[in-house]
Amino acid sequence: MSTKIAASFLLLGLSGLLSPAFAAMTLTSADITDGAAIAAAHIYPRCGGQNVSPQLSWSGTPAGTKSLALTMIDLDVKPTQWSHWIVVDLPPEATTLTRAVSTLPGQAKSVVSNFGDAGYAGPCPPKGTGVHHYQFTIWALPSATASIGADEKATEVSAALSKIALDKATLTGTVTR
């Protein structure tokens, strides 16, 4: 093996050891495909849907996680974005929320979103505003409880969670009306 090839393998090996990718959280869904349109079943009723929460699964929760939080935010509402679903205090051993979830695991609870709902409030972008991107994020937190005020601005929720999260994973679906 040439020294150039050997050096390349060594660099690749070291970058793999130094990279957090092997331990990074992932978020997947049987109902939402990253970057694709969200099905009508998950859309808010006044926009023609059934408002059924999607199935979500996550893995790779880092050591030290004491709770998880879930957010669903419309990234295209300016200037503060728009929260559609916020769940806090999910137990760290939780790995999924079922489709149409009615009972949250452990001591988890929903926080009132910008829609005014304490629970899932599906996408419903105003007509003529183009494509809206709905980002689902699972946050690994170092504390057993998270304090998020009812109807808090989505950008503030994301900023606060970003400051304390041990890791996070996202999945984004789209809706055009």
N, C-alpha and C. Protein backbone atom coordinates (compact mmCIF):
# COMPACT_ATOMS: atom_id res chain seq x y z
N MET A 1 0.85 -1.17 0.00
CA MET A 1 0.00 0.00 0.00
C MET A 1 0.90 1.23 0.00
N SER A 2 0.58 2.21 -0.85
CA SER A 2 1.40 3.42 -0.92
C SER A 2 1.20 4.25 0.34
N THR A 3 2.16 5.11 0.63
CA THR A 3 2.06 5.94 1.82
C THR A 3 0.91 6.95 1.70
N LYS A 4 0.61 7.37 0.47
CA LYS A 4 -0.50 8.30 0.25
C LYS A 4 -1.84 7.63 0.59
N ILE A 5 -2.02 6.39 0.15
CA ILE A 5 -3.25 5.65 0.44
C ILE A 5 -3.34 5.35 1.93
N ALA A 6 -2.23 4.94 2.53
CA ALA A 6 -2.21 4.64 3.96
C ALA A 6 -2.56 5.89 4.77
N ALA A 7 -2.02 7.03 4.36
CA ALA A 7 -2.32 8.29 5.05
C ALA A 7 -3.80 8.64 4.90
N SER A 8 -4.38 8.38 3.74
CA SER A 8 -5.81 8.64 3.51
C SER A 8 -6.67 7.78 4.44
N PHE A 9 -6.33 6.48 4.56
CA PHE A 9 -7.07 5.59 5.46
C PHE A 9 -6.94 6.05 6.91
N LEU A 10 -5.74 6.49 7.28
CA LEU A 10 -5.52 6.95 8.64
C LEU A 10 -6.38 8.18 8.92
N LEU A 11 -6.41 9.12 7.99
CA LEU A 11 -7.24 10.32 8.16
C LEU A 11 -8.72 9.97 8.24
N LEU A 12 -9.16 9.06 7.37
CA LEU A 12 -10.56 8.63 7.42
C LEU A 12 -10.89 7.97 8.74
N GLY A 13 -10.00 7.14 9.22
CA GLY A 13 -10.20 6.47 10.50
C GLY A 13 -10.27 7.46 11.65
N LEU A 14 -9.35 8.42 11.66
CA LEU A 14 -9.35 9.43 12.72
C LEU A 14 -10.59 10.30 12.64
N SER A 15 -11.01 10.69 11.46
CA SER A 15 -12.21 11.53 11.34
C SER A 15 -13.43 10.77 11.83
N GLY A 16 -13.47 9.46 11.62
CA GLY A 16 -14.58 8.65 12.12
C GLY A 16 -14.60 8.61 13.64
N LEU A 17 -13.40 8.56 14.25
CA LEU A 17 -13.32 8.55 15.71
C LEU A 17 -13.69 9.89 16.30
N LEU A 18 -13.36 10.96 15.62
CA LEU A 18 -13.62 12.30 16.13
C LEU A 18 -15.01 12.79 15.79
N SER A 19 -15.67 12.17 14.86
CA SER A 19 -16.99 12.60 14.42
C SER A 19 -18.08 12.14 15.37
N PRO A 20 -19.04 13.04 15.71
CA PRO A 20 -20.14 12.62 16.56
C PRO A 20 -21.22 11.86 15.79
N ALA A 21 -21.04 11.66 14.51
CA ALA A 21 -22.07 11.04 13.68
C ALA A 21 -22.48 9.66 14.18
N PHE A 22 -21.53 8.91 14.75
CA PHE A 22 -21.87 7.56 15.20
C PHE A 22 -22.82 7.58 16.39
N ALA A 23 -22.90 8.72 17.10
CA ALA A 23 -23.76 8.79 18.28
C ALA A 23 -24.91 9.78 18.09
N ALA A 24 -25.04 10.35 16.91
CA ALA A 24 -26.05 11.38 16.68
C ALA A 24 -27.46 10.81 16.74
N MET A 25 -28.36 11.62 17.26
CA MET A 25 -29.76 11.23 17.30
C MET A 25 -30.34 11.21 15.90
N THR A 26 -31.34 10.38 15.70
CA THR A 26 -32.08 10.37 14.44
C THR A 26 -33.57 10.45 14.76
N LEU A 27 -34.32 11.02 13.86
CA LEU A 27 -35.78 11.11 13.97
C LEU A 27 -36.37 10.62 12.66
N THR A 28 -37.26 9.65 12.75
CA THR A 28 -37.90 9.08 11.56
C THR A 28 -39.40 9.01 11.79
N SER A 29 -40.12 8.74 10.70
CA SER A 29 -41.58 8.63 10.79
C SER A 29 -42.10 7.71 9.71
N ALA A 30 -43.11 6.94 10.05
CA ALA A 30 -43.81 6.13 9.06
C ALA A 30 -44.76 7.02 8.26
N ASP A 31 -45.03 8.23 8.75
CA ASP A 31 -46.02 9.12 8.13
C ASP A 31 -45.43 10.34 7.43
N ILE A 32 -44.27 10.78 7.85
CA ILE A 32 -43.64 11.99 7.30
C ILE A 32 -42.33 11.59 6.65
N THR A 33 -42.15 11.95 5.39
CA THR A 33 -40.89 11.73 4.69
C THR A 33 -40.16 13.06 4.64
N ASP A 34 -38.91 13.07 5.09
CA ASP A 34 -38.14 14.30 5.14
C ASP A 34 -38.13 15.00 3.78
N GLY A 35 -38.57 16.25 3.77
CA GLY A 35 -38.59 17.06 2.56
C GLY A 35 -39.81 16.89 1.68
N ALA A 36 -40.69 15.96 2.02
CA ALA A 36 -41.87 15.68 1.19
C ALA A 36 -43.14 16.31 1.79
N ALA A 37 -44.19 16.30 0.98
CA ALA A 37 -45.48 16.86 1.40
C ALA A 37 -46.09 16.02 2.52
N ILE A 38 -46.72 16.69 3.46
CA ILE A 38 -47.41 16.04 4.57
C ILE A 38 -48.80 15.64 4.10
N ALA A 39 -49.21 14.42 4.40
CA ALA A 39 -50.51 13.88 3.97
C ALA A 39 -51.67 14.61 4.65
N ALA A 40 -52.82 14.60 3.98
CA ALA A 40 -54.01 15.28 4.47
C ALA A 40 -54.44 14.82 5.86
N ALA A 41 -54.19 13.58 6.19
CA ALA A 41 -54.58 13.07 7.51
C ALA A 41 -53.96 13.90 8.64
N HIS A 42 -52.80 14.51 8.40
CA HIS A 42 -52.08 15.24 9.44
C HIS A 42 -52.33 16.75 9.39
N ILE A 43 -53.12 17.21 8.43
CA ILE A 43 -53.42 18.63 8.25
C ILE A 43 -54.53 19.06 9.21
N TYR A 44 -54.49 20.31 9.65
CA TYR A 44 -55.50 20.87 10.55
C TYR A 44 -56.87 20.86 9.86
N PRO A 45 -57.96 20.59 10.59
CA PRO A 45 -59.29 20.45 9.97
C PRO A 45 -59.75 21.63 9.11
N ARG A 46 -59.53 22.86 9.55
CA ARG A 46 -60.01 24.00 8.75
C ARG A 46 -59.25 24.16 7.43
N CYS A 47 -58.20 23.37 7.27
CA CYS A 47 -57.46 23.35 6.01
C CYS A 47 -57.67 22.04 5.26
N GLY A 48 -58.72 21.29 5.66
CA GLY A 48 -59.10 20.10 4.91
C GLY A 48 -58.54 18.78 5.41
N GLY A 49 -57.95 18.77 6.59
CA GLY A 49 -57.36 17.53 7.10
C GLY A 49 -58.11 16.95 8.28
N GLN A 50 -57.53 15.89 8.83
CA GLN A 50 -58.13 15.20 9.97
C GLN A 50 -57.38 15.47 11.28
N ASN A 51 -56.28 16.21 11.24
CA ASN A 51 -55.52 16.59 12.43
C ASN A 51 -55.03 15.39 13.24
N VAL A 52 -54.56 14.37 12.56
CA VAL A 52 -54.02 13.17 13.22
C VAL A 52 -52.52 13.36 13.38
N SER A 53 -52.04 13.24 14.60
CA SER A 53 -50.59 13.38 14.81
C SER A 53 -49.86 12.23 14.11
N PRO A 54 -48.69 12.54 13.51
CA PRO A 54 -47.95 11.48 12.82
C PRO A 54 -47.19 10.58 13.79
N GLN A 55 -46.88 9.39 13.34
CA GLN A 55 -46.02 8.48 14.08
C GLN A 55 -44.61 9.04 13.99
N LEU A 56 -43.89 9.06 15.11
CA LEU A 56 -42.51 9.52 15.15
C LEU A 56 -41.68 8.55 15.98
N SER A 57 -40.47 8.26 15.55
CA SER A 57 -39.54 7.42 16.30
C SER A 57 -38.17 8.08 16.29
N TRP A 58 -37.44 7.89 17.35
CA TRP A 58 -36.10 8.45 17.45
C TRP A 58 -35.17 7.44 18.11
N SER A 59 -33.89 7.65 17.85
CA SER A 59 -32.86 6.78 18.43
C SER A 59 -31.60 7.60 18.64
N GLY A 60 -30.64 7.00 19.35
CA GLY A 60 -29.37 7.66 19.58
C GLY A 60 -29.40 8.70 20.68
N THR A 61 -30.33 8.57 21.62
CA THR A 61 -30.40 9.52 22.73
C THR A 61 -29.09 9.44 23.52
N PRO A 62 -28.42 10.58 23.72
CA PRO A 62 -27.11 10.54 24.37
C PRO A 62 -27.17 10.24 25.87
N ALA A 63 -26.07 9.74 26.39
CA ALA A 63 -25.95 9.51 27.83
C ALA A 63 -26.14 10.84 28.54
N GLY A 64 -26.75 10.80 29.70
CA GLY A 64 -26.99 12.02 30.46
C GLY A 64 -28.33 12.66 30.17
N THR A 65 -29.08 12.10 29.22
CA THR A 65 -30.39 12.64 28.91
C THR A 65 -31.34 12.31 30.06
N LYS A 66 -31.99 13.36 30.59
CA LYS A 66 -32.94 13.18 31.69
C LYS A 66 -34.39 13.31 31.22
N SER A 67 -34.59 13.96 30.08
CA SER A 67 -35.92 14.04 29.47
C SER A 67 -35.76 14.43 28.01
N LEU A 68 -36.87 14.33 27.29
CA LEU A 68 -36.90 14.71 25.87
C LEU A 68 -38.03 15.72 25.68
N ALA A 69 -37.87 16.55 24.68
CA ALA A 69 -38.93 17.47 24.28
C ALA A 69 -39.12 17.30 22.78
N LEU A 70 -40.34 17.51 22.34
CA LEU A 70 -40.66 17.44 20.92
C LEU A 70 -41.30 18.76 20.51
N THR A 71 -40.84 19.30 19.40
CA THR A 71 -41.47 20.50 18.85
C THR A 71 -41.82 20.28 17.39
N MET A 72 -42.88 20.92 16.96
CA MET A 72 -43.26 20.97 15.54
C MET A 72 -43.48 22.44 15.23
N ILE A 73 -42.63 22.99 14.37
CA ILE A 73 -42.64 24.42 14.12
C ILE A 73 -42.71 24.70 12.63
N ASP A 74 -43.59 25.64 12.26
CA ASP A 74 -43.67 26.14 10.89
C ASP A 74 -42.57 27.18 10.75
N LEU A 75 -41.55 26.85 9.99
CA LEU A 75 -40.38 27.72 9.83
C LEU A 75 -40.65 28.93 8.96
N ASP A 76 -41.77 28.95 8.24
CA ASP A 76 -42.02 29.99 7.25
C ASP A 76 -42.95 31.11 7.73
N VAL A 77 -43.35 31.09 8.98
CA VAL A 77 -44.15 32.18 9.52
C VAL A 77 -43.17 33.20 10.09
N LYS A 78 -43.20 34.40 9.55
CA LYS A 78 -42.26 35.44 9.95
C LYS A 78 -42.96 36.45 10.85
N PRO A 79 -42.30 37.02 11.82
CA PRO A 79 -40.87 36.90 12.11
C PRO A 79 -40.54 35.85 13.16
N THR A 80 -41.54 35.26 13.81
CA THR A 80 -41.25 34.40 14.97
C THR A 80 -41.56 32.93 14.77
N GLN A 81 -41.84 32.51 13.55
CA GLN A 81 -42.23 31.13 13.27
C GLN A 81 -43.52 30.80 14.02
N TRP A 82 -43.96 29.54 14.00
CA TRP A 82 -45.25 29.19 14.59
C TRP A 82 -45.18 27.76 15.13
N SER A 83 -45.47 27.60 16.42
CA SER A 83 -45.44 26.26 16.99
C SER A 83 -46.80 25.58 16.80
N HIS A 84 -46.75 24.33 16.39
CA HIS A 84 -47.95 23.53 16.17
C HIS A 84 -48.08 22.40 17.20
N TRP A 85 -46.96 22.02 17.80
CA TRP A 85 -47.00 20.92 18.76
C TRP A 85 -45.75 21.01 19.62
N ILE A 86 -45.95 21.02 20.93
CA ILE A 86 -44.83 21.02 21.87
C ILE A 86 -45.16 20.01 22.95
N VAL A 87 -44.27 19.05 23.12
CA VAL A 87 -44.41 18.04 24.17
C VAL A 87 -43.13 18.10 25.00
N VAL A 88 -43.28 18.22 26.32
CA VAL A 88 -42.12 18.26 27.20
C VAL A 88 -42.18 17.12 28.21
N ASP A 89 -41.07 16.89 28.85
CA ASP A 89 -40.94 15.89 29.91
C ASP A 89 -41.18 14.45 29.44
N LEU A 90 -40.86 14.18 28.18
CA LEU A 90 -40.89 12.80 27.71
C LEU A 90 -39.78 12.04 28.43
N PRO A 91 -40.04 10.82 28.90
CA PRO A 91 -38.99 10.07 29.59
C PRO A 91 -37.84 9.73 28.63
N PRO A 92 -36.61 9.71 29.12
CA PRO A 92 -35.46 9.47 28.25
C PRO A 92 -35.47 8.10 27.58
N GLU A 93 -36.18 7.14 28.15
CA GLU A 93 -36.24 5.81 27.55
C GLU A 93 -37.30 5.72 26.44
N ALA A 94 -38.13 6.74 26.30
CA ALA A 94 -39.14 6.76 25.23
C ALA A 94 -38.43 6.82 23.88
N THR A 95 -38.97 6.11 22.90
CA THR A 95 -38.36 6.10 21.57
C THR A 95 -39.38 6.32 20.46
N THR A 96 -40.65 6.50 20.82
CA THR A 96 -41.66 6.66 19.77
C THR A 96 -42.92 7.32 20.31
N LEU A 97 -43.63 7.97 19.42
CA LEU A 97 -45.00 8.40 19.65
C LEU A 97 -45.80 7.78 18.52
N THR A 98 -46.89 7.12 18.88
CA THR A 98 -47.71 6.44 17.88
C THR A 98 -48.51 7.45 17.06
N ARG A 99 -48.96 7.01 15.91
CA ARG A 99 -49.87 7.83 15.10
C ARG A 99 -51.14 8.04 15.91
N ALA A 100 -51.66 9.26 15.89
CA ALA A 100 -52.88 9.63 16.63
C ALA A 100 -52.70 9.40 18.13
N VAL A 101 -51.51 9.70 18.64
CA VAL A 101 -51.22 9.47 20.05
C VAL A 101 -52.25 10.19 20.92
N SER A 102 -52.81 9.44 21.88
CA SER A 102 -53.79 10.04 22.78
C SER A 102 -53.27 10.11 24.21
N THR A 103 -52.34 9.22 24.55
CA THR A 103 -51.74 9.22 25.88
C THR A 103 -50.23 9.31 25.72
N LEU A 104 -49.65 10.34 26.31
CA LEU A 104 -48.20 10.52 26.23
C LEU A 104 -47.51 9.64 27.28
N PRO A 105 -46.29 9.20 27.00
CA PRO A 105 -45.59 8.32 27.94
C PRO A 105 -45.13 9.06 29.21
N GLY A 106 -45.07 8.33 30.30
CA GLY A 106 -44.55 8.87 31.56
C GLY A 106 -45.31 10.10 32.01
N GLN A 107 -44.54 11.10 32.42
CA GLN A 107 -45.11 12.37 32.90
C GLN A 107 -45.14 13.43 31.80
N ALA A 108 -44.98 13.02 30.56
CA ALA A 108 -44.95 13.98 29.45
C ALA A 108 -46.26 14.74 29.37
N LYS A 109 -46.14 15.99 28.91
CA LYS A 109 -47.33 16.81 28.75
C LYS A 109 -47.18 17.73 27.54
N SER A 110 -48.31 18.09 26.97
CA SER A 110 -48.33 19.03 25.86
C SER A 110 -48.42 20.45 26.40
N VAL A 111 -47.73 21.35 25.74
CA VAL A 111 -47.76 22.77 26.07
C VAL A 111 -48.64 23.45 25.03
N VAL A 112 -49.39 24.46 25.43
CA VAL A 112 -50.25 25.19 24.49
C VAL A 112 -49.38 25.81 23.40
N SER A 113 -49.70 25.47 22.16
CA SER A 113 -48.95 25.95 21.00
C SER A 113 -49.46 27.33 20.58
N ASN A 114 -48.84 27.89 19.56
CA ASN A 114 -49.30 29.17 19.02
C ASN A 114 -50.68 29.07 18.40
N PHE A 115 -51.13 27.86 18.12
CA PHE A 115 -52.49 27.64 17.61
C PHE A 115 -53.52 27.71 18.74
N GLY A 116 -53.01 27.69 19.99
CA GLY A 116 -53.90 27.72 21.15
C GLY A 116 -54.33 26.34 21.60
N ASP A 117 -53.72 25.30 21.04
CA ASP A 117 -54.07 23.93 21.38
C ASP A 117 -52.99 23.32 22.28
N ALA A 118 -53.41 22.58 23.29
CA ALA A 118 -52.48 21.80 24.11
C ALA A 118 -52.52 20.38 23.54
N GLY A 119 -51.85 20.19 22.47
CA GLY A 119 -51.84 18.92 21.76
C GLY A 119 -51.48 19.19 20.32
N TYR A 120 -51.53 18.17 19.52
CA TYR A 120 -51.17 18.29 18.11
C TYR A 120 -52.14 19.22 17.38
N ALA A 121 -51.57 20.17 16.64
CA ALA A 121 -52.34 21.07 15.78
C ALA A 121 -51.65 21.06 14.42
N GLY A 122 -52.21 20.32 13.49
CA GLY A 122 -51.57 20.09 12.20
C GLY A 122 -51.35 21.34 11.37
N PRO A 123 -50.60 21.20 10.29
CA PRO A 123 -50.30 22.31 9.40
C PRO A 123 -51.56 22.95 8.82
N CYS A 124 -51.51 24.26 8.66
CA CYS A 124 -52.62 25.00 8.06
C CYS A 124 -52.11 26.36 7.60
N PRO A 125 -51.24 26.36 6.59
CA PRO A 125 -50.70 27.66 6.15
C PRO A 125 -51.77 28.49 5.44
N PRO A 126 -51.68 29.81 5.57
CA PRO A 126 -52.63 30.66 4.85
C PRO A 126 -52.53 30.44 3.34
N LYS A 127 -53.67 30.51 2.67
CA LYS A 127 -53.69 30.35 1.21
C LYS A 127 -52.80 31.40 0.56
N GLY A 128 -52.11 30.96 -0.49
CA GLY A 128 -51.29 31.87 -1.28
C GLY A 128 -49.95 32.24 -0.68
N THR A 129 -49.52 31.55 0.38
CA THR A 129 -48.25 31.89 1.01
C THR A 129 -47.11 30.96 0.62
N GLY A 130 -47.36 30.12 -0.38
CA GLY A 130 -46.31 29.24 -0.88
C GLY A 130 -46.10 28.01 0.01
N VAL A 131 -44.94 27.42 -0.16
CA VAL A 131 -44.59 26.20 0.57
C VAL A 131 -44.21 26.56 2.00
N HIS A 132 -44.79 25.85 2.95
CA HIS A 132 -44.40 25.99 4.36
C HIS A 132 -43.68 24.73 4.79
N HIS A 133 -42.63 24.91 5.58
CA HIS A 133 -41.80 23.81 6.07
C HIS A 133 -42.09 23.59 7.55
N TYR A 134 -42.54 22.39 7.88
CA TYR A 134 -42.88 22.03 9.24
C TYR A 134 -41.80 21.12 9.79
N GLN A 135 -41.04 21.67 10.75
CA GLN A 135 -39.90 20.94 11.29
C GLN A 135 -40.27 20.29 12.63
N PHE A 136 -40.17 18.96 12.65
CA PHE A 136 -40.33 18.19 13.87
C PHE A 136 -38.93 18.03 14.44
N THR A 137 -38.76 18.33 15.73
CA THR A 137 -37.45 18.19 16.38
C THR A 137 -37.63 17.47 17.69
N ILE A 138 -36.80 16.46 17.92
CA ILE A 138 -36.73 15.80 19.22
C ILE A 138 -35.46 16.30 19.89
N TRP A 139 -35.59 16.78 21.11
CA TRP A 139 -34.49 17.39 21.85
C TRP A 139 -34.14 16.51 23.05
N ALA A 140 -32.88 16.17 23.23
CA ALA A 140 -32.40 15.45 24.41
C ALA A 140 -31.95 16.49 25.44
N LEU A 141 -32.58 16.46 26.62
CA LEU A 141 -32.33 17.50 27.61
C LEU A 141 -31.65 16.94 28.86
N PRO A 142 -30.81 17.76 29.52
CA PRO A 142 -30.08 17.30 30.70
C PRO A 142 -30.88 17.40 32.00
N SER A 143 -32.12 17.86 31.94
CA SER A 143 -32.95 17.96 33.14
C SER A 143 -34.23 17.16 32.96
N ALA A 144 -34.83 16.76 34.08
CA ALA A 144 -36.02 15.91 34.03
C ALA A 144 -37.27 16.65 33.60
N THR A 145 -37.26 17.96 33.75
CA THR A 145 -38.42 18.76 33.33
C THR A 145 -37.95 19.94 32.51
N ALA A 146 -38.82 20.38 31.62
CA ALA A 146 -38.54 21.57 30.80
C ALA A 146 -39.68 22.55 31.01
N SER A 147 -39.35 23.79 31.21
CA SER A 147 -40.36 24.82 31.44
C SER A 147 -40.50 25.67 30.18
N ILE A 148 -41.63 25.52 29.52
CA ILE A 148 -41.94 26.30 28.33
C ILE A 148 -43.31 26.92 28.56
N GLY A 149 -43.37 28.23 28.46
CA GLY A 149 -44.63 28.92 28.70
C GLY A 149 -45.64 28.67 27.59
N ALA A 150 -46.91 28.66 27.97
CA ALA A 150 -47.99 28.48 26.99
C ALA A 150 -47.93 29.60 25.96
N ASP A 151 -48.09 29.24 24.70
CA ASP A 151 -48.12 30.18 23.59
C ASP A 151 -46.83 30.99 23.43
N GLU A 152 -45.72 30.45 23.93
CA GLU A 152 -44.43 31.13 23.78
C GLU A 152 -44.04 31.15 22.31
N LYS A 153 -43.39 32.22 21.87
CA LYS A 153 -42.99 32.33 20.47
C LYS A 153 -42.09 31.16 20.10
N ALA A 154 -42.35 30.60 18.93
CA ALA A 154 -41.61 29.41 18.49
C ALA A 154 -40.11 29.65 18.41
N THR A 155 -39.70 30.83 17.97
CA THR A 155 -38.27 31.11 17.89
C THR A 155 -37.64 31.11 19.28
N GLU A 156 -38.39 31.57 20.29
CA GLU A 156 -37.87 31.57 21.66
C GLU A 156 -37.79 30.15 22.21
N VAL A 157 -38.77 29.32 21.89
CA VAL A 157 -38.74 27.93 22.32
C VAL A 157 -37.51 27.24 21.74
N SER A 158 -37.31 27.39 20.44
CA SER A 158 -36.15 26.76 19.79
C SER A 158 -34.83 27.29 20.34
N ALA A 159 -34.74 28.59 20.56
CA ALA A 159 -33.50 29.18 21.09
C ALA A 159 -33.21 28.66 22.49
N ALA A 160 -34.23 28.58 23.33
CA ALA A 160 -34.03 28.10 24.70
C ALA A 160 -33.60 26.64 24.71
N LEU A 161 -34.26 25.81 23.91
CA LEU A 161 -33.91 24.39 23.86
C LEU A 161 -32.52 24.18 23.25
N SER A 162 -32.17 24.98 22.25
CA SER A 162 -30.84 24.87 21.62
C SER A 162 -29.72 25.13 22.62
N LYS A 163 -29.95 26.03 23.56
CA LYS A 163 -28.92 26.37 24.54
C LYS A 163 -28.64 25.24 25.51
N ILE A 164 -29.65 24.42 25.80
CA ILE A 164 -29.46 23.39 26.84
C ILE A 164 -29.42 21.96 26.31
N ALA A 165 -29.85 21.74 25.08
CA ALA A 165 -29.96 20.37 24.55
C ALA A 165 -28.61 19.68 24.44
N LEU A 166 -28.61 18.40 24.79
CA LEU A 166 -27.42 17.57 24.62
C LEU A 166 -27.28 17.15 23.16
N ASP A 167 -28.41 17.01 22.49
CA ASP A 167 -28.44 16.64 21.07
C ASP A 167 -29.86 16.86 20.59
N LYS A 168 -30.04 16.80 19.28
CA LYS A 168 -31.38 16.92 18.70
C LYS A 168 -31.37 16.24 17.34
N ALA A 169 -32.56 15.95 16.86
CA ALA A 169 -32.71 15.40 15.51
C ALA A 169 -33.97 16.03 14.92
N THR A 170 -33.95 16.24 13.61
CA THR A 170 -35.09 16.90 12.96
C THR A 170 -35.58 16.11 11.75
N LEU A 171 -36.81 16.41 11.41
CA LEU A 171 -37.48 15.84 10.25
C LEU A 171 -38.42 16.94 9.76
N THR A 172 -38.40 17.24 8.47
CA THR A 172 -39.18 18.34 7.95
C THR A 172 -40.12 17.89 6.84
N GLY A 173 -41.39 18.25 6.98
CA GLY A 173 -42.39 18.00 5.94
C GLY A 173 -42.90 19.32 5.41
N THR A 174 -43.55 19.30 4.26
CA THR A 174 -44.02 20.54 3.64
C THR A 174 -45.52 20.51 3.38
N VAL A 175 -46.10 21.70 3.32
CA VAL A 175 -47.50 21.88 2.96
C VAL A 175 -47.62 23.15 2.13
N THR A 176 -48.35 23.07 1.03
CA THR A 176 -48.67 24.22 0.20
C THR A 176 -50.18 24.31 0.11
N ARG A 177 -50.72 25.50 0.28
CA ARG A 177 -52.17 25.68 0.22
C ARG A 177 -52.52 26.77 -0.76
